[in-house]
Amino acid sequence: MAIFPLFPFEAADDPQLVRIALAVGDDELAQRTEAQAERRSELNPGVKSLAAVAAHARGLATGTVDDVETAVGLFAEGERPLALASAFEDLGRMKVDAGAIKDATSAFDRALAITTSAGASWDAARLRRRLRRLGVRRRVVSVERQLTGWGALTAAELAVADLAAEGGTNREIAEKLFISPHTVNTHLRHVFEKLGLRSRLALSREAEHQRHERLQ
């Protein structure tokens, strides 16, 4: 546990870590991860995503379906589609264990729709396998990523773009994301090309415009 602060923090990783800990029989790690997720939520009572993460981690650690359903509801109100898909998948697994096949199929279908839309092909393939075990087949629908605009940016490019828009230098961004300044420069070049921008000032203005649009 002492080495965890050395890694970049992503709240939605807590349920993943609980799942891994349970899979290898490390109950202590599962409980400590659940506790830290709960603590973050308590310290930030107005942040629904942290409340969702805490409920998801708690549901996995205790095997409580109600908590995972709460996580689904909270994630659905935010902008973390893959975290929502993950919660739906865990809810589906629990429904299968409870013999509620219809509910499980519905949860897996929701997760599959999200992962397919996001281009998360590995996760989508796993969900199709889960559905096949239930006697349900879903055809593969390819999703083409946008070539330009914010929708064309990868997760890594978005992370770099957000920090650059806030005024971070390449070195500062590299330190925060645990990547090299050269990699930051490469991502920024792709960001500028996809957004049709020429400067960080223009990027800051466009990022602010995007935030304003999301709030409408």
Protein backbone atom coordinates (compact mmCIF):
# COMPACT_ATOMS: atom_id res chain seq x y z
CA MET A 1 0.00 0.00 0.00
CA ALA A 2 2.92 2.37 0.66
CA ILE A 3 3.78 2.62 -3.04
CA PHE A 4 0.28 3.65 -4.19
CA PRO A 5 0.84 7.42 -3.76
CA LEU A 6 3.58 7.16 -6.40
CA PHE A 7 1.04 6.29 -9.08
CA PRO A 8 -1.29 8.73 -10.90
CA PHE A 9 -4.63 8.83 -9.08
CA GLU A 10 -7.84 7.95 -10.89
CA ALA A 11 -10.87 7.52 -8.65
CA ALA A 12 -12.60 5.04 -10.94
CA ASP A 13 -9.68 2.63 -10.48
CA ASP A 14 -10.83 1.75 -6.95
CA PRO A 15 -13.56 -0.72 -8.02
CA GLN A 16 -11.09 -2.29 -10.45
CA LEU A 17 -8.58 -2.77 -7.65
CA VAL A 18 -11.24 -4.25 -5.35
CA ARG A 19 -12.20 -6.68 -8.11
CA ILE A 20 -8.57 -7.73 -8.63
CA ALA A 21 -7.98 -8.10 -4.87
CA LEU A 22 -11.03 -10.35 -4.49
CA ALA A 23 -9.97 -12.44 -7.49
CA VAL A 24 -6.64 -13.28 -5.83
CA GLY A 25 -8.10 -13.69 -2.35
CA ASP A 26 -6.57 -10.53 -0.87
CA ASP A 27 -9.46 -9.47 1.37
CA GLU A 28 -7.32 -6.95 3.25
CA LEU A 29 -6.47 -5.03 0.08
CA ALA A 30 -10.12 -5.10 -0.99
CA GLN A 31 -11.24 -3.69 2.37
CA ARG A 32 -8.56 -1.00 2.45
CA THR A 33 -9.37 0.08 -1.09
CA GLU A 34 -13.07 0.24 -0.24
CA ALA A 35 -12.24 2.31 2.85
CA GLN A 36 -10.16 4.82 0.90
CA ALA A 37 -12.96 5.20 -1.67
CA GLU A 38 -15.42 5.84 1.16
CA ARG A 39 -13.07 8.37 2.72
CA ARG A 40 -12.67 10.33 -0.54
CA SER A 41 -16.43 10.47 -0.90
CA GLU A 42 -16.86 11.68 2.68
CA LEU A 43 -14.29 14.45 2.14
CA ASN A 44 -16.04 15.55 -1.06
CA PRO A 45 -19.77 15.22 -0.30
CA GLY A 46 -20.89 17.12 -3.40
CA VAL A 47 -19.01 15.00 -5.92
CA LYS A 48 -21.35 12.35 -7.34
CA SER A 49 -18.60 10.51 -9.20
CA LEU A 50 -16.76 9.83 -5.93
CA ALA A 51 -20.01 8.71 -4.30
CA ALA A 52 -20.53 6.38 -7.26
CA VAL A 53 -17.01 4.98 -6.96
CA ALA A 54 -17.50 4.41 -3.22
CA ALA A 55 -20.81 2.62 -3.78
CA HIS A 56 -19.31 0.51 -6.57
CA ALA A 57 -16.28 -0.47 -4.46
CA ARG A 58 -18.49 -1.21 -1.47
CA GLY A 59 -20.88 -3.29 -3.54
CA LEU A 60 -18.03 -5.41 -4.89
CA ALA A 61 -16.32 -5.81 -1.51
CA THR A 62 -19.52 -6.83 0.28
CA GLY A 63 -21.36 -8.48 -2.60
CA THR A 64 -24.27 -6.07 -2.19
CA VAL A 65 -26.38 -5.61 -5.33
CA ASP A 66 -28.10 -2.48 -3.97
CA ASP A 67 -24.77 -0.66 -3.71
CA VAL A 68 -23.83 -1.49 -7.29
CA GLU A 69 -27.28 -0.34 -8.46
CA THR A 70 -26.67 2.92 -6.57
CA ALA A 71 -23.33 3.27 -8.35
CA VAL A 72 -25.04 2.77 -11.72
CA GLY A 73 -27.53 5.51 -10.94
CA LEU A 74 -24.86 7.97 -9.83
CA PHE A 75 -22.49 7.24 -12.73
CA ALA A 76 -25.42 7.70 -15.15
CA GLU A 77 -25.71 11.32 -13.98
CA GLY A 78 -22.07 12.09 -14.77
CA GLU A 79 -19.60 11.93 -17.63
CA ARG A 80 -17.73 8.68 -16.96
CA PRO A 81 -19.20 6.28 -19.54
CA LEU A 82 -16.64 3.51 -19.07
CA ALA A 83 -17.04 3.62 -15.28
CA LEU A 84 -20.80 3.34 -15.84
CA ALA A 85 -20.26 0.39 -18.18
CA SER A 86 -18.06 -1.28 -15.57
CA ALA A 87 -20.76 -0.88 -12.92
CA PHE A 88 -23.39 -2.26 -15.32
CA GLU A 89 -21.16 -5.27 -16.01
CA ASP A 90 -20.67 -6.00 -12.32
CA LEU A 91 -24.41 -5.58 -11.78
CA GLY A 92 -25.00 -8.09 -14.57
CA ARG A 93 -22.62 -10.60 -12.98
CA MET A 94 -24.44 -10.29 -9.66
CA LYS A 95 -27.81 -10.73 -11.34
CA VAL A 96 -26.55 -13.90 -13.03
CA ASP A 97 -25.43 -15.26 -9.65
CA ALA A 98 -28.89 -14.46 -8.26
CA GLY A 99 -30.58 -16.25 -11.15
CA ALA A 100 -32.14 -13.03 -12.51
CA ILE A 101 -31.15 -13.70 -16.12
CA LYS A 102 -33.46 -11.12 -17.70
CA ASP A 103 -32.04 -8.34 -15.50
CA ALA A 104 -28.50 -9.58 -16.13
CA THR A 105 -29.05 -9.50 -19.89
CA SER A 106 -30.36 -5.94 -19.66
CA ALA A 107 -27.32 -4.82 -17.63
CA PHE A 108 -24.86 -6.49 -20.01
CA ASP A 109 -26.67 -4.94 -22.99
CA ARG A 110 -26.34 -1.46 -21.48
CA ALA A 111 -22.65 -2.03 -20.80
CA LEU A 112 -22.12 -3.35 -24.33
CA ALA A 113 -23.82 -0.33 -25.89
CA ILE A 114 -21.57 2.03 -23.93
CA THR A 115 -18.30 0.21 -24.62
CA THR A 116 -19.13 -0.18 -28.30
CA SER A 117 -19.95 3.52 -28.61
CA ALA A 118 -16.69 4.42 -26.83
CA GLY A 119 -14.63 2.16 -29.09
CA ALA A 120 -13.58 -0.03 -26.15
CA SER A 121 -13.39 -3.16 -28.30
CA TRP A 122 -11.73 -5.40 -25.69
CA ASP A 123 -14.47 -4.69 -23.13
CA ALA A 124 -17.19 -5.02 -25.77
CA ALA A 125 -15.86 -8.44 -26.82
CA ARG A 126 -15.89 -9.63 -23.19
CA LEU A 127 -19.49 -8.46 -22.77
CA ARG A 128 -20.58 -10.27 -25.91
CA ARG A 129 -19.03 -13.44 -24.46
CA ARG A 130 -21.01 -12.94 -21.25
CA LEU A 131 -24.20 -12.54 -23.25
CA ARG A 132 -23.45 -15.64 -25.34
CA ARG A 133 -23.22 -17.67 -22.13
CA LEU A 134 -26.77 -16.54 -21.44
CA GLY A 135 -27.86 -17.65 -24.90
CA VAL A 136 -27.93 -14.11 -26.30
CA ARG A 137 -25.97 -13.11 -29.39
CA ARG A 138 -25.22 -9.52 -30.30
CA ARG A 139 -23.67 -8.69 -33.66
CA VAL A 140 -20.52 -6.58 -33.82
CA VAL A 141 -21.13 -3.02 -34.95
CA SER A 142 -18.02 -1.09 -35.87
CA VAL A 143 -17.83 2.49 -34.66
CA GLU A 144 -15.68 4.93 -36.55
CA ARG A 145 -13.85 7.53 -34.50
CA GLN A 146 -14.22 11.12 -35.61
CA LEU A 147 -11.26 12.44 -37.55
CA THR A 148 -11.52 16.02 -36.30
CA GLY A 149 -12.93 17.86 -33.31
CA TRP A 150 -12.99 16.96 -29.62
CA GLY A 151 -14.59 13.61 -30.40
CA ALA A 152 -11.46 12.66 -32.36
CA LEU A 153 -9.14 13.01 -29.35
CA THR A 154 -7.95 9.89 -27.57
CA ALA A 155 -8.10 9.64 -23.77
CA ALA A 156 -4.37 10.46 -23.55
CA GLU A 157 -4.75 13.46 -25.86
CA LEU A 158 -7.71 14.75 -23.84
CA ALA A 159 -5.71 14.54 -20.60
CA VAL A 160 -2.83 16.48 -22.13
CA ALA A 161 -5.18 19.01 -23.76
CA ASP A 162 -6.96 19.71 -20.46
CA LEU A 163 -3.70 20.37 -18.60
CA ALA A 164 -2.29 22.47 -21.44
CA ALA A 165 -5.50 24.52 -21.52
CA GLU A 166 -5.01 25.22 -17.81
CA GLY A 167 -1.58 26.69 -18.58
CA GLY A 168 0.67 23.74 -17.78
CA THR A 169 4.05 23.52 -19.47
CA ASN A 170 5.13 20.34 -21.25
CA ARG A 171 7.34 19.40 -18.32
CA GLU A 172 4.61 20.07 -15.76
CA ILE A 173 2.11 18.02 -17.78
CA ALA A 174 4.66 15.21 -18.15
CA GLU A 175 5.21 15.09 -14.38
CA LYS A 176 1.49 15.00 -13.63
CA LEU A 177 0.75 12.26 -16.16
CA PHE A 178 3.97 10.29 -15.59
CA ILE A 179 4.99 10.49 -19.24
CA SER A 180 7.92 12.13 -21.02
CA PRO A 181 7.89 15.75 -22.28
CA HIS A 182 8.46 14.33 -25.77
CA THR A 183 5.25 12.32 -25.48
CA VAL A 184 3.41 15.42 -24.28
CA ASN A 185 4.68 17.32 -27.31
CA THR A 186 3.50 14.53 -29.63
CA HIS A 187 0.04 14.48 -28.06
CA LEU A 188 -0.24 18.26 -28.28
CA ARG A 189 0.70 18.22 -31.94
CA HIS A 190 -2.10 15.73 -32.61
CA VAL A 191 -4.51 17.82 -30.52
CA PHE A 192 -3.76 20.97 -32.52
CA GLU A 193 -4.13 19.08 -35.81
CA LYS A 194 -7.46 17.50 -34.87
CA LEU A 195 -8.90 20.72 -33.46
CA GLY A 196 -7.49 22.93 -36.21
CA LEU A 197 -5.72 25.17 -33.68
CA ARG A 198 -2.33 26.87 -33.75
CA SER A 199 -1.65 28.01 -30.19
CA ARG A 200 -2.19 27.14 -26.53
CA LEU A 201 -4.21 30.34 -26.13
CA ALA A 202 -6.62 29.12 -28.79
CA LEU A 203 -6.71 25.73 -27.05
CA SER A 204 -7.60 27.38 -23.72
CA ARG A 205 -10.42 29.32 -25.36
CA GLU A 206 -11.76 26.23 -27.10
CA ALA A 207 -11.58 24.17 -23.90
CA GLU A 208 -13.52 26.85 -22.03
CA HIS A 209 -16.10 26.87 -24.83
CA GLN A 210 -16.44 23.09 -24.57
CA ARG A 211 -16.95 23.28 -20.80
CA HIS A 212 -19.61 25.96 -21.28
CA GLU A 213 -21.40 23.81 -23.88
CA ARG A 214 -21.48 20.80 -21.53
CA LEU A 215 -23.13 22.91 -18.84
CA GLN A 216 -25.96 24.05 -21.11
